C-alpha atoms as a PDB file:
ATOM      1  CA  MET A   1      -8.659   3.370  -1.058  1.00  0.00           C
ATOM      2  CA  LEU A   2      -6.609   5.416   1.400  1.00  0.00           C
ATOM      3  CA  GLU A   3      -8.186   3.781   4.430  1.00  0.00           C
ATOM      4  CA  ASN A   4      -7.453   0.317   3.038  1.00  0.00           C
ATOM      5  CA  LEU A   5      -3.855   1.273   2.256  1.00  0.00           C
ATOM      6  CA  ARG A   6      -3.405   2.755   5.723  1.00  0.00           C
ATOM      7  CA  ASP A   7      -4.786  -0.326   7.463  1.00  0.00           C
ATOM      8  CA  LYS A   8      -2.620  -2.723   5.456  1.00  0.00           C
ATOM      9  CA  ILE A   9       0.538  -0.702   6.102  1.00  0.00           C
ATOM     10  CA  LYS A  10      -0.295  -0.430   9.827  1.00  0.00           C
ATOM     11  CA  GLU A  11      -0.592  -4.204   9.973  1.00  0.00           C
ATOM     12  CA  ILE A  12       2.807  -4.595   8.282  1.00  0.00           C
ATOM     13  CA  LEU A  13       4.413  -2.092  10.657  1.00  0.00           C
ATOM     14  CA  LEU A  14       3.031  -3.785  13.766  1.00  0.00           C
ATOM     15  CA  THR A  15       3.949  -7.320  12.646  1.00  0.00           C
ATOM     16  CA  GLU A  16       6.696  -7.843  10.071  1.00  0.00           C
ATOM     17  CA  VAL A  17       8.510  -4.557  10.648  1.00  0.00           C
ATOM     18  CA  LYS A  18       8.333  -4.867  14.428  1.00  0.00           C
ATOM     19  CA  ASP A  19       9.718  -8.428  14.199  1.00  0.00           C
ATOM     20  CA  ILE A  20      12.655  -7.225  12.087  1.00  0.00           C
ATOM     21  CA  ILE A  21      13.392  -4.418  14.566  1.00  0.00           C
ATOM     22  CA  ILE A  22      13.288  -6.704  17.614  1.00  0.00           C
ATOM     23  CA  SER A  23      15.460  -9.337  15.950  1.00  0.00           C
ATOM     24  CA  VAL A  24      18.100  -6.888  14.739  1.00  0.00           C
ATOM     25  CA  ARG A  25      18.220  -4.785  17.888  1.00  0.00           C
ATOM     26  CA  ASN A  26      18.484  -7.757  20.211  1.00  0.00           C
ATOM     27  CA  GLU A  27      20.481 -10.281  18.228  1.00  0.00           C
ATOM     28  CA  ASN A  28      21.783  -9.222  14.851  1.00  0.00           C
ATOM     29  CA  MET A  29      23.008  -5.610  14.732  1.00  0.00           C
ATOM     30  CA  ILE A  30      24.906  -5.920  11.466  1.00  0.00           C
ATOM     31  CA  VAL A  31      26.010  -2.605   9.958  1.00  0.00           C
ATOM     32  CA  ILE A  32      25.799  -2.792   6.175  1.00  0.00           C
ATOM     33  CA  GLU A  33      27.246   0.615   5.420  1.00  0.00           C
ATOM     34  CA  GLU A  34      29.003   3.442   7.249  1.00  0.00           C
ATOM     35  CA  LYS A  35      27.912   6.604   5.431  1.00  0.00           C
ATOM     36  CA  GLY A  36      30.206   9.066   7.179  1.00  0.00           C
ATOM     37  CA  ASN A  37      29.362  11.894   9.600  1.00  0.00           C
ATOM     38  CA  GLY A  38      28.136   9.294  12.070  1.00  0.00           C
ATOM     39  CA  ASP A  39      25.377   7.972   9.814  1.00  0.00           C
ATOM     40  CA  SER A  40      25.017   4.342   8.802  1.00  0.00           C
ATOM     41  CA  ALA A  41      22.676   1.657   7.506  1.00  0.00           C
ATOM     42  CA  THR A  42      21.993  -1.563   9.385  1.00  0.00           C
ATOM     43  CA  ILE A  43      20.560  -4.826   8.183  1.00  0.00           C
ATOM     44  CA  ALA A  44      17.200  -3.586   9.547  1.00  0.00           C
ATOM     45  CA  ASP A  45      17.306  -0.566   7.201  1.00  0.00           C
ATOM     46  CA  VAL A  46      17.888  -2.878   4.256  1.00  0.00           C
ATOM     47  CA  LYS A  47      15.285  -5.497   5.215  1.00  0.00           C
ATOM     48  CA  ILE A  48      12.564  -2.948   5.943  1.00  0.00           C
ATOM     49  CA  GLY A  49      13.445  -0.935   2.838  1.00  0.00           C
ATOM     50  CA  ASN A  50      13.291  -4.047   0.649  1.00  0.00           C
ATOM     51  CA  LEU A  51       9.993  -5.084   2.230  1.00  0.00           C
ATOM     52  CA  PHE A  52       8.275  -1.801   1.423  1.00  0.00           C
ATOM     53  CA  SER A  53       9.911  -1.425  -2.005  1.00  0.00           C
ATOM     54  CA  LYS A  54       8.236  -4.726  -2.909  1.00  0.00           C
ATOM     55  CA  ILE A  55       4.885  -4.381  -1.135  1.00  0.00           C
ATOM     56  CA  LEU A  56       3.922  -0.744  -1.739  1.00  0.00           C
ATOM     57  CA  PRO A  57       3.811  -0.918  -5.578  1.00  0.00           C
ATOM     58  CA  GLU A  58       1.758  -4.098  -5.223  1.00  0.00           C
ATOM     59  CA  LEU A  59      -0.722  -2.287  -2.972  1.00  0.00           C
ATOM     60  CA  LEU A  60      -0.892   0.673  -5.352  1.00  0.00           C
ATOM     61  CA  PRO A  61      -0.065  -0.199  -8.985  1.00  0.00           C
ATOM     62  CA  ASN A  62       1.825   2.350 -11.088  1.00  0.00           C
ATOM     63  CA  SER A  63       3.352   3.944  -7.991  1.00  0.00           C
ATOM     64  CA  ILE A  64       7.066   4.362  -7.303  1.00  0.00           C
ATOM     65  CA  VAL A  65       8.979   4.202  -4.033  1.00  0.00           C
ATOM     66  CA  ILE A  66      11.537   6.703  -2.799  1.00  0.00           C
ATOM     67  CA  ASN A  67      13.553   4.672  -0.332  1.00  0.00           C
ATOM     68  CA  GLU A  68      16.522   6.150   1.518  1.00  0.00           C
ATOM     69  CA  GLU A  69      18.579   3.019   0.945  1.00  0.00           C
ATOM     70  CA  ASP A  70      18.249   2.903  -2.850  1.00  0.00           C
ATOM     71  CA  PHE A  71      17.426   6.455  -3.963  1.00  0.00           C
ATOM     72  CA  SER A  72      19.058   7.492  -7.248  1.00  0.00           C
ATOM     73  CA  GLN A  73      19.027  10.147  -9.960  1.00  0.00           C
ATOM     74  CA  GLU A  74      16.808   7.860 -12.031  1.00  0.00           C
ATOM     75  CA  VAL A  75      14.214   7.705  -9.261  1.00  0.00           C
ATOM     76  CA  PHE A  76      14.271  11.512  -9.052  1.00  0.00           C
ATOM     77  CA  LYS A  77      13.539  11.755 -12.784  1.00  0.00           C
ATOM     78  CA  LYS A  78      10.568   9.405 -12.369  1.00  0.00           C
ATOM     79  CA  MET A  79       9.199  11.621  -9.584  1.00  0.00           C
ATOM     80  CA  LYS A  80       8.556  14.377 -12.128  1.00  0.00           C
ATOM     81  CA  THR A  81       6.171  12.269 -14.202  1.00  0.00           C
ATOM     82  CA  THR A  82       4.610   9.866 -11.653  1.00  0.00           C
ATOM     83  CA  LYS A  83       1.269  10.508  -9.951  1.00  0.00           C
ATOM     84  CA  TYR A  84       1.714   8.277  -6.875  1.00  0.00           C
ATOM     85  CA  ILE A  85       5.004   8.424  -4.973  1.00  0.00           C
ATOM     86  CA  TRP A  86       5.762   6.564  -1.752  1.00  0.00           C
ATOM     87  CA  VAL A  87       8.323   8.169   0.565  1.00  0.00           C
ATOM     88  CA  VAL A  88       9.982   5.616   2.864  1.00  0.00           C
ATOM     89  CA  ASP A  89      12.552   5.897   5.621  1.00  0.00           C
ATOM     90  CA  PRO A  90      13.121   2.334   6.884  1.00  0.00           C
ATOM     91  CA  ILE A  91      14.900   3.496  10.053  1.00  0.00           C
ATOM     92  CA  ASP A  92      15.210   7.203  10.787  1.00  0.00           C
ATOM     93  CA  GLY A  93      17.658   7.758  13.623  1.00  0.00           C
ATOM     94  CA  THR A  94      19.944   4.808  12.879  1.00  0.00           C
ATOM     95  CA  LYS A  95      22.531   5.835  15.465  1.00  0.00           C
ATOM     96  CA  ALA A  96      19.805   5.800  18.113  1.00  0.00           C
ATOM     97  CA  PHE A  97      18.723   2.405  16.800  1.00  0.00           C
ATOM     98  CA  ARG A  98      22.288   1.130  17.231  1.00  0.00           C
ATOM     99  CA  THR A  99      22.581   2.530  20.766  1.00  0.00           C
ATOM    100  CA  PRO A 100      21.194   0.349  23.613  1.00  0.00           C
ATOM    101  CA  GLY A 101      18.574   2.217  25.605  1.00  0.00           C
ATOM    102  CA  ASN A 102      18.068   4.947  22.988  1.00  0.00           C
ATOM    103  CA  ASN A 103      14.550   4.552  21.634  1.00  0.00           C
ATOM    104  CA  GLU A 104      14.350   7.706  19.520  1.00  0.00           C
ATOM    105  CA  TYR A 105      14.191   6.075  16.127  1.00  0.00           C
ATOM    106  CA  CYS A 106      11.221   5.449  13.859  1.00  0.00           C
ATOM    107  CA  VAL A 107       9.903   4.083  10.581  1.00  0.00           C
ATOM    108  CA  GLY A 108       8.192   6.533   8.225  1.00  0.00           C
ATOM    109  CA  ILE A 109       5.875   5.836   5.279  1.00  0.00           C
ATOM    110  CA  GLY A 110       4.174   8.560   3.235  1.00  0.00           C
ATOM    111  CA  LEU A 111       2.202   8.724   0.003  1.00  0.00           C
ATOM    112  CA  LEU A 112       2.157  11.673  -2.411  1.00  0.00           C
ATOM    113  CA  ASP A 113      -0.535  12.212  -5.032  1.00  0.00           C
ATOM    114  CA  ASN A 114       0.777  14.693  -7.603  1.00  0.00           C
ATOM    115  CA  LEU A 115       3.210  15.888  -4.911  1.00  0.00           C
ATOM    116  CA  ASN A 116       0.412  16.434  -2.384  1.00  0.00           C
ATOM    117  CA  PRO A 117       0.583  14.193   0.716  1.00  0.00           C
ATOM    118  CA  VAL A 118      -2.489  12.018   1.230  1.00  0.00           C
ATOM    119  CA  LEU A 119      -1.317   9.326   3.663  1.00  0.00           C
ATOM    120  CA  SER A 120       1.328   9.139   6.347  1.00  0.00           C
ATOM    121  CA  LEU A 121       2.412   6.715   9.085  1.00  0.00           C
ATOM    122  CA  VAL A 122       5.265   7.279  11.529  1.00  0.00           C
ATOM    123  CA  TYR A 123       6.002   4.412  13.935  1.00  0.00           C
ATOM    124  CA  LEU A 124       8.182   4.706  17.049  1.00  0.00           C
ATOM    125  CA  PRO A 125       8.247   1.091  18.305  1.00  0.00           C
ATOM    126  CA  GLU A 126       9.892   1.687  21.701  1.00  0.00           C
ATOM    127  CA  TYR A 127       9.420   5.375  22.441  1.00  0.00           C
ATOM    128  CA  GLU A 128       7.578   6.175  25.687  1.00  0.00           C
ATOM    129  CA  PHE A 129       5.288   9.194  25.892  1.00  0.00           C
ATOM    130  CA  ASN A 130       2.592   9.966  28.492  1.00  0.00           C
ATOM    131  CA  GLY A 131       2.735   6.436  29.853  1.00  0.00           C
ATOM    132  CA  GLU A 132       2.510   4.686  26.485  1.00  0.00           C
ATOM    133  CA  LYS A 133       5.308   2.631  24.966  1.00  0.00           C
ATOM    134  CA  GLY A 134       5.203   2.452  21.205  1.00  0.00           C
ATOM    135  CA  LEU A 135       3.718   5.356  19.254  1.00  0.00           C
ATOM    136  CA  LEU A 136       1.984   5.147  15.896  1.00  0.00           C
ATOM    137  CA  PHE A 137       1.137   8.472  14.276  1.00  0.00           C
ATOM    138  CA  GLU A 138      -1.165   8.445  11.263  1.00  0.00           C
ATOM    139  CA  ALA A 139      -2.920  10.802   8.882  1.00  0.00           C
ATOM    140  CA  ILE A 140      -4.879  10.373   5.662  1.00  0.00           C
ATOM    141  CA  ASP A 141      -6.683  12.781   3.366  1.00  0.00           C
ATOM    142  CA  THR A 142     -10.020  12.727   5.188  1.00  0.00           C
ATOM    143  CA  GLU A 143     -11.708  14.892   7.807  1.00  0.00           C
ATOM    144  CA  ASP A 144     -10.341  12.684  10.601  1.00  0.00           C
ATOM    145  CA  GLY A 145      -7.206  14.781  11.001  1.00  0.00           C
ATOM    146  CA  ALA A 146      -4.200  13.115  12.625  1.00  0.00           C
ATOM    147  CA  LYS A 147      -4.188  10.292  15.156  1.00  0.00           C
ATOM    148  CA  LEU A 148      -1.797   8.939  17.763  1.00  0.00           C
ATOM    149  CA  ASN A 149      -2.290   5.281  18.703  1.00  0.00           C
ATOM    150  CA  GLY A 150      -5.759   5.403  17.193  1.00  0.00           C
ATOM    151  CA  ARG A 151      -6.914   8.536  19.038  1.00  0.00           C
ATOM    152  CA  LYS A 152      -7.491  11.844  17.295  1.00  0.00           C
ATOM    153  CA  ILE A 153      -4.913  14.488  18.137  1.00  0.00           C
ATOM    154  CA  LEU A 154      -6.676  17.706  19.077  1.00  0.00           C
ATOM    155  CA  VAL A 155      -5.170  21.168  19.188  1.00  0.00           C
ATOM    156  CA  THR A 156      -6.488  22.356  22.534  1.00  0.00           C
ATOM    157  CA  GLU A 157      -7.548  25.760  23.805  1.00  0.00           C
ATOM    158  CA  LYS A 158      -4.320  26.045  25.788  1.00  0.00           C
ATOM    159  CA  ASN A 159      -2.525  26.750  22.533  1.00  0.00           C
ATOM    160  CA  ARG A 160      -3.087  30.489  22.693  1.00  0.00           C
ATOM    161  CA  LEU A 161      -0.434  32.649  21.086  1.00  0.00           C
ATOM    162  CA  SER A 162       0.814  33.995  24.433  1.00  0.00           C
ATOM    163  CA  GLU A 163       1.547  30.451  25.611  1.00  0.00           C
ATOM    164  CA  LEU A 164       2.930  29.263  22.298  1.00  0.00           C
ATOM    165  CA  LEU A 165       5.639  31.913  22.478  1.00  0.00           C
ATOM    166  CA  CYS A 166       6.947  30.146  25.582  1.00  0.00           C
ATOM    167  CA  ILE A 167       7.485  26.849  23.826  1.00  0.00           C
ATOM    168  CA  ASN A 168      10.585  24.806  23.365  1.00  0.00           C
ATOM    169  CA  HIS A 169      12.631  25.343  20.219  1.00  0.00           C
ATOM    170  CA  ILE A 170      14.266  22.155  18.970  1.00  0.00           C
ATOM    171  CA  HIS A 171      16.765  22.051  16.160  1.00  0.00           C
ATOM    172  CA  ARG A 172      19.034  19.351  14.835  1.00  0.00           C
ATOM    173  CA  ASP A 173      22.298  20.820  13.662  1.00  0.00           C
ATOM    174  CA  THR A 174      25.352  21.181  15.854  1.00  0.00           C
ATOM    175  CA  GLU A 175      25.236  24.982  16.043  1.00  0.00           C
ATOM    176  CA  LEU A 176      22.385  27.419  15.567  1.00  0.00           C
ATOM    177  CA  ASP A 177      22.610  29.405  12.361  1.00  0.00           C
ATOM    178  CA  GLU A 178      21.394  33.013  12.220  1.00  0.00           C
ATOM    179  CA  THR A 179      17.815  32.076  11.321  1.00  0.00           C
ATOM    180  CA  GLU A 180      17.566  29.528  14.134  1.00  0.00           C
ATOM    181  CA  GLU A 181      18.988  32.040  16.608  1.00  0.00           C
ATOM    182  CA  ARG A 182      16.204  34.459  15.741  1.00  0.00           C
ATOM    183  CA  ILE A 183      13.537  31.775  16.069  1.00  0.00           C
ATOM    184  CA  SER A 184      14.942  30.736  19.435  1.00  0.00           C
ATOM    185  CA  SER A 185      14.686  34.298  20.709  1.00  0.00           C
ATOM    186  CA  CYS A 186      10.918  33.859  21.200  1.00  0.00           C
ATOM    187  CA  CYS A 187      11.284  30.642  23.192  1.00  0.00           C
ATOM    188  CA  VAL A 188      11.841  30.207  26.911  1.00  0.00           C
ATOM    189  CA  ARG A 189      13.641  26.890  26.520  1.00  0.00           C
ATOM    190  CA  ARG A 190      16.019  25.819  23.773  1.00  0.00           C
ATOM    191  CA  GLU A 191      16.758  22.147  23.384  1.00  0.00           C
ATOM    192  CA  LYS A 192      19.756  21.321  21.223  1.00  0.00           C
ATOM    193  CA  ILE A 193      19.796  18.125  19.252  1.00  0.00           C
ATOM    194  CA  ARG A 194      23.410  17.844  18.193  1.00  0.00           C
ATOM    195  CA  ALA A 195      24.085  16.186  14.901  1.00  0.00           C
ATOM    196  CA  TYR A 196      24.590  12.424  15.057  1.00  0.00           C
ATOM    197  CA  GLU A 197      24.209  12.064  18.822  1.00  0.00           C
ATOM    198  CA  GLY A 198      21.325   9.728  18.187  1.00  0.00           C
ATOM    199  CA  HIS A 199      17.953  11.110  17.214  1.00  0.00           C
ATOM    200  CA  SER A 200      15.288  10.900  14.550  1.00  0.00           C
ATOM    201  CA  THR A 201      14.177  13.971  12.630  1.00  0.00           C
ATOM    202  CA  LEU A 202      10.885  12.282  11.709  1.00  0.00           C
ATOM    203  CA  ALA A 203      10.276  11.419  15.356  1.00  0.00           C
ATOM    204  CA  ASN A 204      10.894  14.982  16.488  1.00  0.00           C
ATOM    205  CA  TYR A 205       8.548  16.379  13.859  1.00  0.00           C
ATOM    206  CA  ALA A 206       5.855  13.934  14.989  1.00  0.00           C
ATOM    207  CA  LEU A 207       6.409  14.840  18.641  1.00  0.00           C
ATOM    208  CA  VAL A 208       5.621  18.473  17.809  1.00  0.00           C
ATOM    209  CA  VAL A 209       2.068  17.143  17.451  1.00  0.00           C
ATOM    210  CA  ALA A 210       2.178  14.868  20.504  1.00  0.00           C
ATOM    211  CA  ASP A 211       3.150  17.901  22.580  1.00  0.00           C
ATOM    212  CA  ASP A 212      -0.054  19.672  21.471  1.00  0.00           C
ATOM    213  CA  LEU A 213       1.993  21.816  19.088  1.00  0.00           C
ATOM    214  CA  ASN A 214       3.665  23.524  22.040  1.00  0.00           C
ATOM    215  CA  ARG A 215       7.074  23.450  20.426  1.00  0.00           C
ATOM    216  CA  ILE A 216       8.888  24.578  17.301  1.00  0.00           C
ATOM    217  CA  PHE A 217      11.119  22.239  15.330  1.00  0.00           C
ATOM    218  CA  THR A 218      13.492  23.479  12.642  1.00  0.00           C
ATOM    219  CA  ARG A 219      15.526  21.443  10.211  1.00  0.00           C
ATOM    220  CA  ARG A 220      18.025  22.407   7.531  1.00  0.00           C
ATOM    221  CA  ASN A 221      19.849  20.175   5.059  1.00  0.00           C
ATOM    222  CA  ALA A 222      17.275  17.428   5.553  1.00  0.00           C
ATOM    223  CA  ASN A 223      16.392  14.647   3.148  1.00  0.00           C
ATOM    224  CA  LEU A 224      12.807  14.574   1.931  1.00  0.00           C
ATOM    225  CA  TRP A 225      12.300  11.206   3.661  1.00  0.00           C
ATOM    226  CA  ASP A 226      13.364  12.796   6.983  1.00  0.00           C
ATOM    227  CA  VAL A 227      10.572  15.378   6.823  1.00  0.00           C
ATOM    228  CA  GLU A 228       7.598  14.672   4.540  1.00  0.00           C
ATOM    229  CA  GLN A 229       5.773  11.968   6.514  1.00  0.00           C
ATOM    230  CA  SER A 230       5.722  13.808   9.845  1.00  0.00           C
ATOM    231  CA  ALA A 231       5.176  17.212   8.218  1.00  0.00           C
ATOM    232  CA  TYR A 232       1.877  15.934   6.863  1.00  0.00           C
ATOM    233  CA  ILE A 233       0.887  14.679  10.318  1.00  0.00           C
ATOM    234  CA  VAL A 234       1.683  18.107  11.796  1.00  0.00           C
ATOM    235  CA  GLU A 235      -0.542  19.797   9.209  1.00  0.00           C
ATOM    236  CA  LYS A 236      -3.429  17.328   9.602  1.00  0.00           C
ATOM    237  CA  ALA A 237      -3.305  17.989  13.359  1.00  0.00           C
ATOM    238  CA  GLY A 238      -3.833  21.688  12.762  1.00  0.00           C
ATOM    239  CA  GLY A 239      -0.216  22.825  12.705  1.00  0.00           C
ATOM    240  CA  ILE A 240       1.901  24.028   9.809  1.00  0.00           C
ATOM    241  CA  VAL A 241       5.268  23.306   8.192  1.00  0.00           C
ATOM    242  CA  PHE A 242       6.741  26.046   6.021  1.00  0.00           C
ATOM    243  CA  TYR A 243       9.956  27.294   4.452  1.00  0.00           C
ATOM    244  CA  ASN A 244      11.718  30.292   5.946  1.00  0.00           C
ATOM    245  CA  ASP A 245      10.235  32.517   3.237  1.00  0.00           C
ATOM    246  CA  GLY A 246       6.757  31.666   4.571  1.00  0.00           C
ATOM    247  CA  THR A 247       5.739  29.251   1.807  1.00  0.00           C
ATOM    248  CA  ASP A 248       3.948  26.091   2.936  1.00  0.00           C
ATOM    249  CA  ILE A 249       5.960  22.996   1.978  1.00  0.00           C
ATOM    250  CA  PHE A 250       2.829  21.362   0.485  1.00  0.00           C
ATOM    251  CA  PRO A 251       2.272  20.716  -2.316  1.00  0.00           C
ATOM    252  CA  LEU A 252       5.923  19.869  -2.733  1.00  0.00           C
ATOM    253  CA  ASP A 253       7.747  22.052  -5.229  1.00  0.00           C
ATOM    254  CA  ILE A 254      10.087  19.847  -7.243  1.00  0.00           C
ATOM    255  CA  ASN A 255      12.307  22.887  -7.787  1.00  0.00           C
ATOM    256  CA  ARG A 256      12.956  23.114  -4.033  1.00  0.00           C
ATOM    257  CA  LEU A 257      14.316  19.577  -3.925  1.00  0.00           C
ATOM    258  CA  ASN A 258      17.991  19.094  -4.707  1.00  0.00           C
ATOM    259  CA  VAL A 259      19.789  15.837  -5.426  1.00  0.00           C
ATOM    260  CA  LYS A 260      23.235  15.666  -3.856  1.00  0.00           C
ATOM    261  CA  VAL A 261      25.844  12.920  -4.093  1.00  0.00           C
ATOM    262  CA  ASP A 262      28.535  12.455  -1.456  1.00  0.00           C
ATOM    263  CA  GLU A 263      32.085  11.205  -1.925  1.00  0.00           C
ATOM    264  CA  ASN A 264      30.905   7.615  -1.385  1.00  0.00           C
ATOM    265  CA  GLY A 265      28.310   7.813  -4.144  1.00  0.00           C
ATOM    266  CA  ASN A 266      25.308   8.021  -1.785  1.00  0.00           C
ATOM    267  CA  ASN A 267      22.387  10.014  -3.209  1.00  0.00           C
ATOM    268  CA  PHE A 268      20.443  12.481  -1.073  1.00  0.00           C
ATOM    269  CA  LEU A 269      17.256  14.411  -1.835  1.00  0.00           C
ATOM    270  CA  ILE A 270      17.568  17.674   0.095  1.00  0.00           C
ATOM    271  CA  ILE A 271      14.594  19.861   0.979  1.00  0.00           C
ATOM    272  CA  ASP A 272      14.934  23.545   1.907  1.00  0.00           C
ATOM    273  CA  PHE A 273      15.164  24.750   5.531  1.00  0.00           C
ATOM    274  CA  ASN A 274      11.745  24.253   7.107  1.00  0.00           C
ATOM    275  CA  ILE A 275       9.904  24.983  10.333  1.00  0.00           C
ATOM    276  CA  ALA A 276       7.126  23.014  12.076  1.00  0.00           C
ATOM    277  CA  CYS A 277       4.871  24.710  14.628  1.00  0.00           C
ATOM    278  CA  ALA A 278       1.333  25.794  15.467  1.00  0.00           C
ATOM    279  CA  LYS A 279      -0.251  28.096  12.898  1.00  0.00           C
ATOM    280  CA  ALA A 280      -0.562  30.867  15.482  1.00  0.00           C
ATOM    281  CA  VAL A 281       3.221  31.126  15.750  1.00  0.00           C
ATOM    282  CA  LYS A 282       3.997  31.442  12.045  1.00  0.00           C
ATOM    283  CA  THR A 283       3.510  35.204  11.799  1.00  0.00           C
ATOM    284  CA  LYS A 284       5.732  35.790  14.829  1.00  0.00           C
ATOM    285  CA  ILE A 285       8.482  33.561  13.451  1.00  0.00           C
ATOM    286  CA  LEU A 286       8.398  35.218  10.043  1.00  0.00           C
ATOM    287  CA  SER A 287       8.630  38.658  11.682  1.00  0.00           C
ATOM    288  CA  LEU A 288      11.837  37.502  13.356  1.00  0.00           C
ATOM    289  CA  ILE A 289      13.578  36.006  10.346  1.00  0.00           C
ATOM    290  CA  GLN A 290      12.545  38.144   7.391  1.00  0.00           C
END
């Protein structure tokens, strides 16, 4: 079942979704909603969100869809009693999507089975990495692990602990908090991703894997749909994503998810501060922050 679902969603991403993205980016960049703090929703967010909200329950009956563009308190209540939950971010990194030449945006689709991830696809249509343009990360609950553009992602021998402690620390928020400062202390390079300068959290999580797990990515105050899909890919590639108390984020703990509503009535599903990295680095990070 999972392989069939994956293949059908891949086909949709590479055809209908790609067509929507090309059309909107090149000809029809209509902004539907300005959400404040530099965030927004374009007509592409709405079209892709509507597409998956319709198709995914048809592909898997009795499932529900958590979609950034129409998440609500009622959907959160259903999460607590529903076996199959789709997690969808139609466009993650909307400011990048709206900025000509900035290709760091993506589409993320994940499936939870009793709050355990079993399928994930993260699609970066225009991102270039190691000579390839367009990246499709995937993982399902089999022994295949994670794949990038159809090829298995392998954690190589170069990922010894001594080398991993020289990796790049990437974080999203404008200023490092105390925990992030401590994590950065074990890294040679520190790359700041300032809030709302145009980036995708999902893309950066996925690129932890593409970089052979030779980087740490931290994220606080993130929505579930900004994290879950790529976090599963990181773990299926042999890495780990955990909270700053050391607890693995999977299976998801409903008590660590918080619904927040902003002044404009937008609903957010916030997941606790989390860290993505190679497993060999976890002990070192925890020794720094606990």
